[in-house]
Amino acid sequence: MSEQKDLGVLIADNLKPSAHCVTFYKQASRVLAMMQRTIIYKKKAILLRLYKTVVRPLVEQFTAAWSP
């Protein structure tokens, strides 16, 4: 199966966006794991702000391709 990237969206030959979704899911998971390892002071307000700033845009990016 061949995949091409167009305007930042990874599209397969069968026109399913699953490869794009998997790519951004893995990236969001890596960011969450990095936050878990590096943030020592885990106050709810700080973690929520970090999530909204860093992780949520990644999730929203693959959601647009998954369900336009």
C-alpha atoms as a PDB file:
ATOM      1  CA  MET A   1       0.000   0.000   0.000  1.00  0.00           C
ATOM      2  CA  SER A   2       1.345   3.380  -0.998  1.00  0.00           C
ATOM      3  CA  GLU A   3       0.844   6.531   1.037  1.00  0.00           C
ATOM      4  CA  GLN A   4       1.332  10.159   0.100  1.00  0.00           C
ATOM      5  CA  LYS A   5       1.365  13.297   2.177  1.00  0.00           C
ATOM      6  CA  ASP A   6      -0.632  16.245   0.851  1.00  0.00           C
ATOM      7  CA  LEU A   7      -1.105  19.457   2.858  1.00  0.00           C
ATOM      8  CA  GLY A   8       0.066  17.641   5.965  1.00  0.00           C
ATOM      9  CA  VAL A   9      -2.461  14.798   5.649  1.00  0.00           C
ATOM     10  CA  LEU A  10      -1.228  11.273   4.995  1.00  0.00           C
ATOM     11  CA  ILE A  11      -3.532   9.535   2.487  1.00  0.00           C
ATOM     12  CA  ALA A  12      -3.323   5.877   1.439  1.00  0.00           C
ATOM     13  CA  ASP A  13      -4.264   4.406  -1.944  1.00  0.00           C
ATOM     14  CA  ASN A  14      -7.608   3.236  -0.551  1.00  0.00           C
ATOM     15  CA  LEU A  15      -8.368   6.855   0.580  1.00  0.00           C
ATOM     16  CA  LYS A  16      -8.647   5.856   4.220  1.00  0.00           C
ATOM     17  CA  PRO A  17      -7.043   8.261   6.704  1.00  0.00           C
ATOM     18  CA  SER A  18      -6.070   5.515   9.168  1.00  0.00           C
ATOM     19  CA  ALA A  19      -2.309   5.956   8.576  1.00  0.00           C
ATOM     20  CA  HIS A  20      -2.654   9.681   9.285  1.00  0.00           C
ATOM     21  CA  CYS A  21      -4.610   9.002  12.475  1.00  0.00           C
ATOM     22  CA  VAL A  22      -2.087   6.433  13.692  1.00  0.00           C
ATOM     23  CA  THR A  23       0.803   8.830  13.048  1.00  0.00           C
ATOM     24  CA  PHE A  24      -0.697  11.644  15.099  1.00  0.00           C
ATOM     25  CA  TYR A  25      -1.953   9.272  17.805  1.00  0.00           C
ATOM     26  CA  LYS A  26       1.600   7.997  18.278  1.00  0.00           C
ATOM     27  CA  GLN A  27       2.930  11.564  18.372  1.00  0.00           C
ATOM     28  CA  ALA A  28       0.336  12.608  20.975  1.00  0.00           C
ATOM     29  CA  SER A  29       1.127   9.516  23.059  1.00  0.00           C
ATOM     30  CA  ARG A  30       4.849  10.311  22.959  1.00  0.00           C
ATOM     31  CA  VAL A  31       4.184  13.874  24.105  1.00  0.00           C
ATOM     32  CA  LEU A  32       2.006  12.643  26.986  1.00  0.00           C
ATOM     33  CA  ALA A  33       4.686  10.144  28.025  1.00  0.00           C
ATOM     34  CA  MET A  34       7.332  12.871  27.905  1.00  0.00           C
ATOM     35  CA  MET A  35       5.153  15.095  30.092  1.00  0.00           C
ATOM     36  CA  GLN A  36       4.671  12.213  32.554  1.00  0.00           C
ATOM     37  CA  ARG A  37       8.444  11.640  32.777  1.00  0.00           C
ATOM     38  CA  THR A  38       9.594  15.246  33.005  1.00  0.00           C
ATOM     39  CA  ILE A  39       6.956  17.139  34.997  1.00  0.00           C
ATOM     40  CA  ILE A  40       7.676  16.777  38.687  1.00  0.00           C
ATOM     41  CA  TYR A  41       5.126  19.195  40.124  1.00  0.00           C
ATOM     42  CA  LYS A  42       1.910  17.622  38.837  1.00  0.00           C
ATOM     43  CA  LYS A  43      -0.746  20.101  39.800  1.00  0.00           C
ATOM     44  CA  LYS A  44      -4.045  19.614  37.947  1.00  0.00           C
ATOM     45  CA  ALA A  45      -4.160  23.174  36.564  1.00  0.00           C
ATOM     46  CA  ILE A  46      -0.634  22.924  35.149  1.00  0.00           C
ATOM     47  CA  LEU A  47      -1.209  19.538  33.523  1.00  0.00           C
ATOM     48  CA  LEU A  48      -4.496  20.701  32.038  1.00  0.00           C
ATOM     49  CA  ARG A  49      -2.872  23.794  30.543  1.00  0.00           C
ATOM     50  CA  LEU A  50      -0.030  21.705  29.094  1.00  0.00           C
ATOM     51  CA  TYR A  51      -2.491  19.203  27.644  1.00  0.00           C
ATOM     52  CA  LYS A  52      -4.590  21.932  26.028  1.00  0.00           C
ATOM     53  CA  THR A  53      -1.513  23.661  24.638  1.00  0.00           C
ATOM     54  CA  VAL A  54       0.550  20.730  23.406  1.00  0.00           C
ATOM     55  CA  VAL A  55      -1.475  17.527  23.074  1.00  0.00           C
ATOM     56  CA  ARG A  56      -4.964  18.685  22.150  1.00  0.00           C
ATOM     57  CA  PRO A  57      -3.929  20.344  18.845  1.00  0.00           C
ATOM     58  CA  LEU A  58      -2.355  17.045  17.748  1.00  0.00           C
ATOM     59  CA  VAL A  59      -5.511  15.121  18.573  1.00  0.00           C
ATOM     60  CA  GLU A  60      -7.692  17.692  16.824  1.00  0.00           C
ATOM     61  CA  GLN A  61      -5.491  17.503  13.730  1.00  0.00           C
ATOM     62  CA  PHE A  62      -6.089  13.796  13.205  1.00  0.00           C
ATOM     63  CA  THR A  63      -9.755  14.075  14.199  1.00  0.00           C
ATOM     64  CA  ALA A  64     -10.406  16.378  11.227  1.00  0.00           C
ATOM     65  CA  ALA A  65      -9.037  13.727   8.863  1.00  0.00           C
ATOM     66  CA  TRP A  66     -10.852  10.891  10.620  1.00  0.00           C
ATOM     67  CA  SER A  67     -14.308  12.510  10.648  1.00  0.00           C
ATOM     68  CA  PRO A  68     -14.470  15.522   8.317  1.00  0.00           C
END
